[in-house]
Protein backbone atom coordinates (compact mmCIF):
# COMPACT_ATOMS: atom_id res chain seq x y z
CA UNK A 1 -86.68 -8.93 -20.51
CA UNK A 2 -89.20 -6.70 -21.23
CA UNK A 3 -86.88 -3.39 -22.89
CA UNK A 4 -89.83 -1.29 -23.58
CA UNK A 5 -88.53 -0.63 -26.43
CA UNK A 6 -92.06 -0.90 -28.54
CA UNK A 7 -92.48 -4.12 -29.91
CA UNK A 8 -93.93 -6.84 -28.50
CA UNK A 9 -91.86 -9.58 -27.43
CA UNK A 10 -92.64 -12.78 -30.03
CA UNK A 11 -91.77 -9.91 -32.39
CA UNK A 12 -88.12 -9.41 -30.17
CA UNK A 13 -87.34 -13.21 -29.37
CA UNK A 14 -87.84 -13.91 -32.99
CA UNK A 15 -85.08 -11.02 -33.26
CA UNK A 16 -83.17 -12.27 -31.46
CA UNK A 17 -83.37 -15.58 -32.83
CA UNK A 18 -82.45 -14.26 -36.70
CA UNK A 19 -79.35 -12.37 -35.23
CA UNK A 20 -78.17 -15.31 -32.47
CA UNK A 21 -78.45 -17.13 -35.91
CA UNK A 22 -76.24 -14.66 -37.59
CA UNK A 23 -73.98 -14.30 -34.39
CA UNK A 24 -73.28 -18.16 -34.72
CA UNK A 25 -72.55 -18.05 -38.46
CA UNK A 26 -69.76 -14.74 -38.00
CA UNK A 27 -67.73 -17.18 -35.46
CA UNK A 28 -67.45 -19.89 -37.99
CA UNK A 29 -66.43 -18.10 -40.54
CA UNK A 30 -64.01 -16.10 -38.20
CA UNK A 31 -62.89 -18.93 -37.26
CA UNK A 32 -62.43 -20.65 -40.94
CA UNK A 33 -60.72 -17.10 -41.91
CA UNK A 34 -58.73 -17.62 -38.97
CA UNK A 35 -57.55 -21.16 -40.33
CA UNK A 36 -56.90 -20.06 -43.75
CA UNK A 37 -54.65 -16.89 -41.64
CA UNK A 38 -52.69 -20.06 -39.99
CA UNK A 39 -52.22 -22.31 -42.78
CA UNK A 40 -51.72 -20.62 -46.19
CA UNK A 41 -49.23 -21.23 -48.12
CA UNK A 42 -47.81 -20.63 -51.42
CA UNK A 43 -46.25 -18.00 -53.47
CA UNK A 44 -47.74 -15.21 -52.73
CA UNK A 45 -48.06 -16.45 -48.72
CA UNK A 46 -47.44 -13.21 -47.07
CA UNK A 47 -50.64 -11.31 -48.72
CA UNK A 48 -53.17 -13.68 -48.47
CA UNK A 49 -52.27 -14.51 -44.61
CA UNK A 50 -51.99 -10.80 -43.65
CA UNK A 51 -55.90 -10.53 -46.55
CA UNK A 52 -57.28 -12.81 -44.52
CA UNK A 53 -55.67 -10.90 -41.59
CA UNK A 54 -57.80 -8.14 -42.78
CA UNK A 55 -60.40 -10.28 -42.34
CA UNK A 56 -60.88 -11.95 -39.96
CA UNK A 57 -60.06 -8.49 -37.67
CA UNK A 58 -63.67 -7.55 -39.62
CA UNK A 59 -64.98 -10.64 -38.71
CA UNK A 60 -64.25 -9.98 -34.55
CA UNK A 61 -65.59 -6.19 -34.90
CA UNK A 62 -68.74 -7.32 -36.36
CA UNK A 63 -69.04 -10.65 -34.02
CA UNK A 64 -68.64 -8.07 -31.17
CA UNK A 65 -71.50 -5.42 -32.52
CA UNK A 66 -73.85 -8.55 -32.67
CA UNK A 67 -73.33 -9.86 -28.66
CA UNK A 68 -74.30 -6.37 -28.26
CA UNK A 69 -77.35 -5.96 -30.41
CA UNK A 70 -78.87 -9.75 -28.46
CA UNK A 71 -78.55 -7.77 -25.29
CA UNK A 72 -79.70 -4.27 -26.31
CA UNK A 73 -82.83 -6.77 -27.16
CA UNK A 74 -83.08 -7.97 -23.88
CA UNK A 75 -81.61 -11.33 -24.21
CA UNK A 76 -78.43 -13.33 -22.96
CA UNK A 77 -75.70 -13.67 -26.48
CA UNK A 78 -74.75 -17.64 -27.01
CA UNK A 79 -70.54 -18.63 -26.29
CA UNK A 80 -69.60 -21.94 -26.63
CA UNK A 81 -68.48 -23.24 -30.06
CA UNK A 82 -71.10 -25.84 -29.75
CA UNK A 83 -74.33 -23.08 -29.87
CA UNK A 84 -72.56 -21.19 -33.02
CA UNK A 85 -72.09 -24.54 -34.48
CA UNK A 86 -74.83 -26.17 -34.04
CA UNK A 87 -76.99 -22.62 -35.18
CA UNK A 88 -74.76 -21.91 -37.60
CA UNK A 89 -75.73 -21.79 -41.38
CA UNK A 90 -71.77 -22.60 -42.81
CA UNK A 91 -69.81 -25.50 -41.98
CA UNK A 92 -66.20 -25.05 -40.49
CA UNK A 93 -63.34 -25.87 -43.02
CA UNK A 94 -62.16 -29.41 -41.25
CA UNK A 95 -59.98 -30.32 -44.97
CA UNK A 96 -56.85 -28.94 -45.88
CA UNK A 97 -57.00 -26.75 -49.23
CA UNK A 98 -54.85 -24.87 -51.40
CA UNK A 99 -55.13 -21.14 -51.53
CA UNK A 100 -57.86 -20.79 -54.37
CA UNK A 101 -60.13 -22.87 -52.61
CA UNK A 102 -59.85 -20.84 -49.43
CA UNK A 103 -60.42 -17.90 -51.80
CA UNK A 104 -62.99 -19.26 -53.11
CA UNK A 105 -64.87 -20.77 -49.55
CA UNK A 106 -64.80 -17.86 -48.18
CA UNK A 107 -66.76 -16.00 -51.65
CA UNK A 108 -69.12 -18.25 -50.80
CA UNK A 109 -69.51 -18.65 -47.29
CA UNK A 110 -70.00 -14.79 -48.00
CA UNK A 111 -72.63 -14.86 -50.65
CA UNK A 112 -74.70 -17.18 -48.46
CA UNK A 113 -74.10 -15.42 -45.72
CA UNK A 114 -75.42 -11.85 -47.11
CA UNK A 115 -78.30 -14.67 -48.99
CA UNK A 116 -79.27 -15.04 -45.08
CA UNK A 117 -78.77 -11.53 -43.75
CA UNK A 118 -81.56 -10.35 -46.24
CA UNK A 119 -83.95 -12.65 -45.72
CA UNK A 120 -83.44 -11.36 -42.01
CA UNK A 121 -83.66 -8.45 -42.74
CA UNK A 122 -87.02 -8.34 -44.80
CA UNK A 123 -88.09 -10.64 -41.80
CA UNK A 124 -87.21 -7.47 -39.15
CA UNK A 125 -88.41 -4.71 -40.70
CA UNK A 126 -92.34 -6.74 -40.41
CA UNK A 127 -91.59 -5.98 -36.99
CA UNK A 128 -90.98 -2.53 -37.03
CA UNK A 129 -87.22 -3.51 -35.28
CA UNK A 130 -86.03 -0.49 -37.81
CA UNK A 131 -82.49 -0.26 -35.31
CA UNK A 132 -81.69 -4.15 -36.12
CA UNK A 133 -82.61 -4.18 -40.07
CA UNK A 134 -80.39 -1.16 -40.10
CA UNK A 135 -77.65 -3.41 -38.36
CA UNK A 136 -78.26 -6.13 -40.44
CA UNK A 137 -77.75 -3.42 -43.75
CA UNK A 138 -74.48 -2.33 -42.22
CA UNK A 139 -73.40 -5.60 -42.05
CA UNK A 140 -73.97 -6.77 -45.10
CA UNK A 141 -72.21 -3.58 -46.74
CA UNK A 142 -69.40 -4.98 -44.97
CA UNK A 143 -70.07 -7.77 -46.03
CA UNK A 144 -70.26 -6.84 -50.07
CA UNK A 145 -67.05 -5.30 -49.68
CA UNK A 146 -64.86 -8.25 -48.39
CA UNK A 147 -66.69 -10.21 -50.77
CA UNK A 148 -65.23 -7.92 -53.55
CA UNK A 149 -62.37 -8.45 -52.47
CA UNK A 150 -62.35 -12.31 -52.70
CA UNK A 151 -63.85 -11.98 -55.96
CA UNK A 152 -60.65 -9.56 -57.13
CA UNK A 153 -58.57 -13.31 -56.29
CA UNK A 154 -60.55 -15.72 -58.48
CA UNK A 155 -60.93 -12.90 -61.48
């Protein structure tokens, strides 16, 4: 659908493709964080349980915003776990881990995702889709805050 937003449809499709990768990756990170929330154990159980809950709640909001941004650009958001896993730049957590490994894996995932979103912003700015570039910048800021919190646990 041509949204008449002032950019060629080919450029719009590229931005939707990139946003779809972000959506898929955010979903995989969300599911992983939920898994860690459910399975964390040990001395600081309640603290870590709440930490992971705060993080997946933030991810849930971001996921909804990304899906809606895709809609604003005239496309439909993907919505199956198969699609999310195929398009995500992150992998699911498939093994049991202690809380330190959980924190490290999430921290590594945030770093990977932030780096990828930076690349998407550069590409998006070339299309004059400043709304999407600004939107992605806001996501980076949220993820940097979450990564900072995780880094504090690994100090």
